[in-house]
Amino acid sequence: MVARRRVIDWEEKRIIEGTLIEGKTLKEISSQGEYERHKYQRNNAMKALRGYLLKLLKKNESQV
């Protein structure tokens, strides 16, 4: 859902799913030489997700 709404892109979605949902480490998901890039992407994706969720919470609180 968040990738479709363009909060994060599809590669970031794959990284988040692999690390948080499947329980793999980032090194297991990353190809050789891509670990640092994926680490940076994961951090940015988590920031975007936090912001998006906070925005949704504030919107829901104002409707109540």
PDB file of N, CA and C in Angstrom:
ATOM      1  N   MET A   1       0.814  -1.186   0.000  1.00  0.00           N
ATOM      2  CA  MET A   1       0.000   0.000   0.000  1.00  0.00           C
ATOM      3  C   MET A   1       0.864   1.259   0.000  1.00  0.00           C
ATOM      4  N   VAL A   2       1.889   1.316   0.806  1.00  0.00           N
ATOM      5  CA  VAL A   2       2.704   2.527   0.882  1.00  0.00           C
ATOM      6  C   VAL A   2       3.537   2.726  -0.378  1.00  0.00           C
ATOM      7  N   ALA A   3       3.910   1.641  -1.038  1.00  0.00           N
ATOM      8  CA  ALA A   3       4.642   1.786  -2.292  1.00  0.00           C
ATOM      9  C   ALA A   3       3.701   2.283  -3.387  1.00  0.00           C
ATOM     10  N   ARG A   4       2.479   1.837  -3.378  1.00  0.00           N
ATOM     11  CA  ARG A   4       1.506   2.312  -4.366  1.00  0.00           C
ATOM     12  C   ARG A   4       1.183   3.788  -4.167  1.00  0.00           C
ATOM     13  N   ARG A   5       1.193   4.234  -2.919  1.00  0.00           N
ATOM     14  CA  ARG A   5       0.941   5.644  -2.634  1.00  0.00           C
ATOM     15  C   ARG A   5       2.210   6.476  -2.790  1.00  0.00           C
ATOM     16  N   ARG A   6       3.290   5.849  -3.169  1.00  0.00           N
ATOM     17  CA  ARG A   6       4.591   6.479  -3.424  1.00  0.00           C
ATOM     18  C   ARG A   6       5.207   7.120  -2.183  1.00  0.00           C
ATOM     19  N   VAL A   7       4.924   6.522  -1.030  1.00  0.00           N
ATOM     20  CA  VAL A   7       5.600   6.939   0.195  1.00  0.00           C
ATOM     21  C   VAL A   7       7.026   6.413   0.135  1.00  0.00           C
ATOM     22  N   ILE A   8       7.172   5.168  -0.294  1.00  0.00           N
ATOM     23  CA  ILE A   8       8.477   4.552  -0.544  1.00  0.00           C
ATOM     24  C   ILE A   8       8.413   3.908  -1.924  1.00  0.00           C
ATOM     25  N   ASP A   9       9.586   3.602  -2.494  1.00  0.00           N
ATOM     26  CA  ASP A   9       9.560   2.943  -3.801  1.00  0.00           C
ATOM     27  C   ASP A   9       9.570   1.424  -3.622  1.00  0.00           C
ATOM     28  N   TRP A  10       9.471   0.716  -4.724  1.00  0.00           N
ATOM     29  CA  TRP A  10       9.304  -0.741  -4.675  1.00  0.00           C
ATOM     30  C   TRP A  10      10.546  -1.456  -4.145  1.00  0.00           C
ATOM     31  N   GLU A  11      11.728  -0.925  -4.436  1.00  0.00           N
ATOM     32  CA  GLU A  11      12.947  -1.554  -3.910  1.00  0.00           C
ATOM     33  C   GLU A  11      13.033  -1.364  -2.398  1.00  0.00           C
ATOM     34  N   GLU A  12      12.669  -0.185  -1.927  1.00  0.00           N
ATOM     35  CA  GLU A  12      12.650   0.052  -0.486  1.00  0.00           C
ATOM     36  C   GLU A  12      11.622  -0.851   0.188  1.00  0.00           C
ATOM     37  N   LYS A  13      10.499  -1.074  -0.463  1.00  0.00           N
ATOM     38  CA  LYS A  13       9.475  -1.976   0.058  1.00  0.00           C
ATOM     39  C   LYS A  13      10.030  -3.391   0.207  1.00  0.00           C
ATOM     40  N   ARG A  14      10.769  -3.836  -0.787  1.00  0.00           N
ATOM     41  CA  ARG A  14      11.372  -5.168  -0.744  1.00  0.00           C
ATOM     42  C   ARG A  14      12.366  -5.273   0.418  1.00  0.00           C
ATOM     43  N   ILE A  15      13.142  -4.230   0.634  1.00  0.00           N
ATOM     44  CA  ILE A  15      14.127  -4.220   1.726  1.00  0.00           C
ATOM     45  C   ILE A  15      13.415  -4.252   3.080  1.00  0.00           C
ATOM     46  N   ILE A  16      12.382  -3.431   3.242  1.00  0.00           N
ATOM     47  CA  ILE A  16      11.631  -3.385   4.500  1.00  0.00           C
ATOM     48  C   ILE A  16      10.949  -4.720   4.769  1.00  0.00           C
ATOM     49  N   GLU A  17      10.328  -5.294   3.748  1.00  0.00           N
ATOM     50  CA  GLU A  17       9.667  -6.595   3.927  1.00  0.00           C
ATOM     51  C   GLU A  17      10.666  -7.669   4.327  1.00  0.00           C
ATOM     52  N   GLY A  18      11.812  -7.667   3.699  1.00  0.00           N
ATOM     53  CA  GLY A  18      12.810  -8.689   3.999  1.00  0.00           C
ATOM     54  C   GLY A  18      13.365  -8.584   5.401  1.00  0.00           C
ATOM     55  N   THR A  19      13.617  -7.366   5.850  1.00  0.00           N
ATOM     56  CA  THR A  19      14.236  -7.209   7.163  1.00  0.00           C
ATOM     57  C   THR A  19      13.225  -7.255   8.298  1.00  0.00           C
ATOM     58  N   LEU A  20      12.093  -6.592   8.151  1.00  0.00           N
ATOM     59  CA  LEU A  20      11.136  -6.527   9.256  1.00  0.00           C
ATOM     60  C   LEU A  20      10.170  -7.699   9.282  1.00  0.00           C
ATOM     61  N   ILE A  21       9.642  -8.070   8.136  1.00  0.00           N
ATOM     62  CA  ILE A  21       8.606  -9.099   8.105  1.00  0.00           C
ATOM     63  C   ILE A  21       9.206 -10.499   8.073  1.00  0.00           C
ATOM     64  N   GLU A  22      10.179 -10.712   7.198  1.00  0.00           N
ATOM     65  CA  GLU A  22      10.776 -12.045   7.069  1.00  0.00           C
ATOM     66  C   GLU A  22      11.860 -12.311   8.097  1.00  0.00           C
ATOM     67  N   GLY A  23      12.344 -11.267   8.760  1.00  0.00           N
ATOM     68  CA  GLY A  23      13.322 -11.440   9.817  1.00  0.00           C
ATOM     69  C   GLY A  23      14.745 -11.694   9.344  1.00  0.00           C
ATOM     70  N   LYS A  24      15.034 -11.384   8.087  1.00  0.00           N
ATOM     71  CA  LYS A  24      16.393 -11.564   7.573  1.00  0.00           C
ATOM     72  C   LYS A  24      17.227 -10.329   7.898  1.00  0.00           C
ATOM     73  N   THR A  25      18.527 -10.499   7.881  1.00  0.00           N
ATOM     74  CA  THR A  25      19.393  -9.347   8.067  1.00  0.00           C
ATOM     75  C   THR A  25      19.558  -8.643   6.730  1.00  0.00           C
ATOM     76  N   LEU A  26      19.994  -7.415   6.792  1.00  0.00           N
ATOM     77  CA  LEU A  26      20.194  -6.638   5.569  1.00  0.00           C
ATOM     78  C   LEU A  26      21.301  -7.246   4.716  1.00  0.00           C
ATOM     79  N   LYS A  27      22.299  -7.836   5.357  1.00  0.00           N
ATOM     80  CA  LYS A  27      23.381  -8.484   4.608  1.00  0.00           C
ATOM     81  C   LYS A  27      22.887  -9.706   3.853  1.00  0.00           C
ATOM     82  N   GLU A  28      21.891 -10.394   4.378  1.00  0.00           N
ATOM     83  CA  GLU A  28      21.330 -11.557   3.678  1.00  0.00           C
ATOM     84  C   GLU A  28      20.543 -11.133   2.437  1.00  0.00           C
ATOM     85  N   ILE A  29      19.927  -9.990   2.498  1.00  0.00           N
ATOM     86  CA  ILE A  29      19.108  -9.510   1.390  1.00  0.00           C
ATOM     87  C   ILE A  29      19.957  -8.866   0.298  1.00  0.00           C
ATOM     88  N   SER A  30      21.012  -8.159   0.706  1.00  0.00           N
ATOM     89  CA  SER A  30      21.815  -7.370  -0.227  1.00  0.00           C
ATOM     90  C   SER A  30      22.763  -8.238  -1.038  1.00  0.00           C
ATOM     91  N   SER A  31      22.946  -7.817  -2.274  1.00  0.00           N
ATOM     92  CA  SER A  31      23.960  -8.440  -3.105  1.00  0.00           C
ATOM     93  C   SER A  31      25.320  -7.928  -2.653  1.00  0.00           C
ATOM     94  N   GLN A  32      26.366  -8.580  -3.115  1.00  0.00           N
ATOM     95  CA  GLN A  32      27.702  -8.161  -2.733  1.00  0.00           C
ATOM     96  C   GLN A  32      27.950  -6.744  -3.249  1.00  0.00           C
ATOM     97  N   GLY A  33      28.393  -5.873  -2.393  1.00  0.00           N
ATOM     98  CA  GLY A  33      28.690  -4.501  -2.769  1.00  0.00           C
ATOM     99  C   GLY A  33      27.514  -3.546  -2.677  1.00  0.00           C
ATOM    100  N   GLU A  34      26.323  -4.006  -2.361  1.00  0.00           N
ATOM    101  CA  GLU A  34      25.151  -3.138  -2.285  1.00  0.00           C
ATOM    102  C   GLU A  34      24.681  -2.898  -0.856  1.00  0.00           C
ATOM    103  N   TYR A  35      25.383  -3.429   0.109  1.00  0.00           N
ATOM    104  CA  TYR A  35      24.949  -3.321   1.497  1.00  0.00           C
ATOM    105  C   TYR A  35      24.815  -1.866   1.947  1.00  0.00           C
ATOM    106  N   GLU A  36      25.818  -1.043   1.681  1.00  0.00           N
ATOM    107  CA  GLU A  36      25.794   0.348   2.129  1.00  0.00           C
ATOM    108  C   GLU A  36      24.658   1.120   1.478  1.00  0.00           C
ATOM    109  N   ARG A  37      24.428   0.883   0.203  1.00  0.00           N
ATOM    110  CA  ARG A  37      23.341   1.564  -0.500  1.00  0.00           C
ATOM    111  C   ARG A  37      21.993   1.142   0.060  1.00  0.00           C
ATOM    112  N   HIS A  38      21.836  -0.150   0.324  1.00  0.00           N
ATOM    113  CA  HIS A  38      20.583  -0.647   0.892  1.00  0.00           C
ATOM    114  C   HIS A  38      20.365  -0.145   2.316  1.00  0.00           C
ATOM    115  N   LYS A  39      21.450  -0.010   3.068  1.00  0.00           N
ATOM    116  CA  LYS A  39      21.338   0.511   4.432  1.00  0.00           C
ATOM    117  C   LYS A  39      20.822   1.954   4.396  1.00  0.00           C
ATOM    118  N   TYR A  40      21.352   2.745   3.479  1.00  0.00           N
ATOM    119  CA  TYR A  40      20.911   4.123   3.322  1.00  0.00           C
ATOM    120  C   TYR A  40      19.447   4.169   2.879  1.00  0.00           C
ATOM    121  N   GLN A  41      19.074   3.317   1.934  1.00  0.00           N
ATOM    122  CA  GLN A  41      17.698   3.262   1.457  1.00  0.00           C
ATOM    123  C   GLN A  41      16.734   2.852   2.569  1.00  0.00           C
ATOM    124  N   ARG A  42      17.134   1.869   3.357  1.00  0.00           N
ATOM    125  CA  ARG A  42      16.267   1.407   4.449  1.00  0.00           C
ATOM    126  C   ARG A  42      16.040   2.519   5.465  1.00  0.00           C
ATOM    127  N   ASN A  43      17.089   3.252   5.810  1.00  0.00           N
ATOM    128  CA  ASN A  43      16.937   4.355   6.758  1.00  0.00           C
ATOM    129  C   ASN A  43      15.996   5.428   6.218  1.00  0.00           C
ATOM    130  N   ASN A  44      16.146   5.782   4.949  1.00  0.00           N
ATOM    131  CA  ASN A  44      15.267   6.784   4.352  1.00  0.00           C
ATOM    132  C   ASN A  44      13.832   6.283   4.267  1.00  0.00           C
ATOM    133  N   ALA A  45      13.656   5.018   3.954  1.00  0.00           N
ATOM    134  CA  ALA A  45      12.313   4.443   3.865  1.00  0.00           C
ATOM    135  C   ALA A  45      11.643   4.435   5.229  1.00  0.00           C
ATOM    136  N   MET A  46      12.384   4.109   6.265  1.00  0.00           N
ATOM    137  CA  MET A  46      11.808   4.103   7.612  1.00  0.00           C
ATOM    138  C   MET A  46      11.403   5.514   8.044  1.00  0.00           C
ATOM    139  N   LYS A  47      12.194   6.521   7.684  1.00  0.00           N
ATOM    140  CA  LYS A  47      11.825   7.902   7.987  1.00  0.00           C
ATOM    141  C   LYS A  47      10.539   8.285   7.256  1.00  0.00           C
ATOM    142  N   ALA A  48      10.437   7.896   5.992  1.00  0.00           N
ATOM    143  CA  ALA A  48       9.242   8.206   5.210  1.00  0.00           C
ATOM    144  C   ALA A  48       8.019   7.500   5.784  1.00  0.00           C
ATOM    145  N   LEU A  49       8.180   6.252   6.206  1.00  0.00           N
ATOM    146  CA  LEU A  49       7.068   5.504   6.791  1.00  0.00           C
ATOM    147  C   LEU A  49       6.611   6.134   8.104  1.00  0.00           C
ATOM    148  N   ARG A  50       7.563   6.529   8.939  1.00  0.00           N
ATOM    149  CA  ARG A  50       7.212   7.174  10.205  1.00  0.00           C
ATOM    150  C   ARG A  50       6.408   8.453   9.960  1.00  0.00           C
ATOM    151  N   GLY A  51       6.882   9.264   9.025  1.00  0.00           N
ATOM    152  CA  GLY A  51       6.188  10.505   8.707  1.00  0.00           C
ATOM    153  C   GLY A  51       4.787  10.252   8.179  1.00  0.00           C
ATOM    154  N   TYR A  52       4.656   9.262   7.323  1.00  0.00           N
ATOM    155  CA  TYR A  52       3.357   8.922   6.743  1.00  0.00           C
ATOM    156  C   TYR A  52       2.392   8.434   7.824  1.00  0.00           C
ATOM    157  N   LEU A  53       2.867   7.581   8.710  1.00  0.00           N
ATOM    158  CA  LEU A  53       2.010   7.064   9.773  1.00  0.00           C
ATOM    159  C   LEU A  53       1.614   8.156  10.765  1.00  0.00           C
ATOM    160  N   LEU A  54       2.537   9.051  11.081  1.00  0.00           N
ATOM    161  CA  LEU A  54       2.194  10.166  11.968  1.00  0.00           C
ATOM    162  C   LEU A  54       1.147  11.065  11.330  1.00  0.00           C
ATOM    163  N   LYS A  55       1.277  11.293  10.040  1.00  0.00           N
ATOM    164  CA  LYS A  55       0.301  12.095   9.308  1.00  0.00           C
ATOM    165  C   LYS A  55      -1.086  11.445   9.360  1.00  0.00           C
ATOM    166  N   LEU A  56      -1.133  10.123   9.184  1.00  0.00           N
ATOM    167  CA  LEU A  56      -2.406   9.414   9.262  1.00  0.00           C
ATOM    168  C   LEU A  56      -3.005   9.482  10.663  1.00  0.00           C
ATOM    169  N   LEU A  57      -2.167   9.343  11.690  1.00  0.00           N
ATOM    170  CA  LEU A  57      -2.660   9.423  13.068  1.00  0.00           C
ATOM    171  C   LEU A  57      -3.246  10.796  13.371  1.00  0.00           C
ATOM    172  N   LYS A  58      -2.549  11.850  12.941  1.00  0.00           N
ATOM    173  CA  LYS A  58      -3.041  13.202  13.179  1.00  0.00           C
ATOM    174  C   LYS A  58      -4.345  13.438  12.441  1.00  0.00           C
ATOM    175  N   LYS A  59      -4.452  12.908  11.234  1.00  0.00           N
ATOM    176  CA  LYS A  59      -5.675  13.068  10.448  1.00  0.00           C
ATOM    177  C   LYS A  59      -6.841  12.364  11.140  1.00  0.00           C
ATOM    178  N   ASN A  60      -6.590  11.145  11.645  1.00  0.00           N
ATOM    179  CA  ASN A  60      -7.642  10.389  12.335  1.00  0.00           C
ATOM    180  C   ASN A  60      -8.036  11.031  13.651  1.00  0.00           C
ATOM    181  N   GLU A  61      -7.073  11.611  14.370  1.00  0.00           N
ATOM    182  CA  GLU A  61      -7.394  12.275  15.634  1.00  0.00           C
ATOM    183  C   GLU A  61      -8.265  13.505  15.413  1.00  0.00           C
ATOM    184  N   SER A  62      -8.028  14.207  14.332  1.00  0.00           N
ATOM    185  CA  SER A  62      -8.827  15.411  14.067  1.00  0.00           C
ATOM    186  C   SER A  62     -10.246  15.067  13.625  1.00  0.00           C
ATOM    187  N   GLN A  63     -10.452  13.867  13.116  1.00  0.00           N
ATOM    188  CA  GLN A  63     -11.786  13.442  12.683  1.00  0.00           C
ATOM    189  C   GLN A  63     -12.640  12.949  13.830  1.00  0.00           C
ATOM    190  N   VAL A  64     -12.013  12.572  14.934  1.00  0.00           N
ATOM    191  CA  VAL A  64     -12.749  12.026  16.079  1.00  0.00           C
ATOM    192  C   VAL A  64     -13.373  13.103  16.896  1.00  0.00           C
TER     193      VAL A  64
END
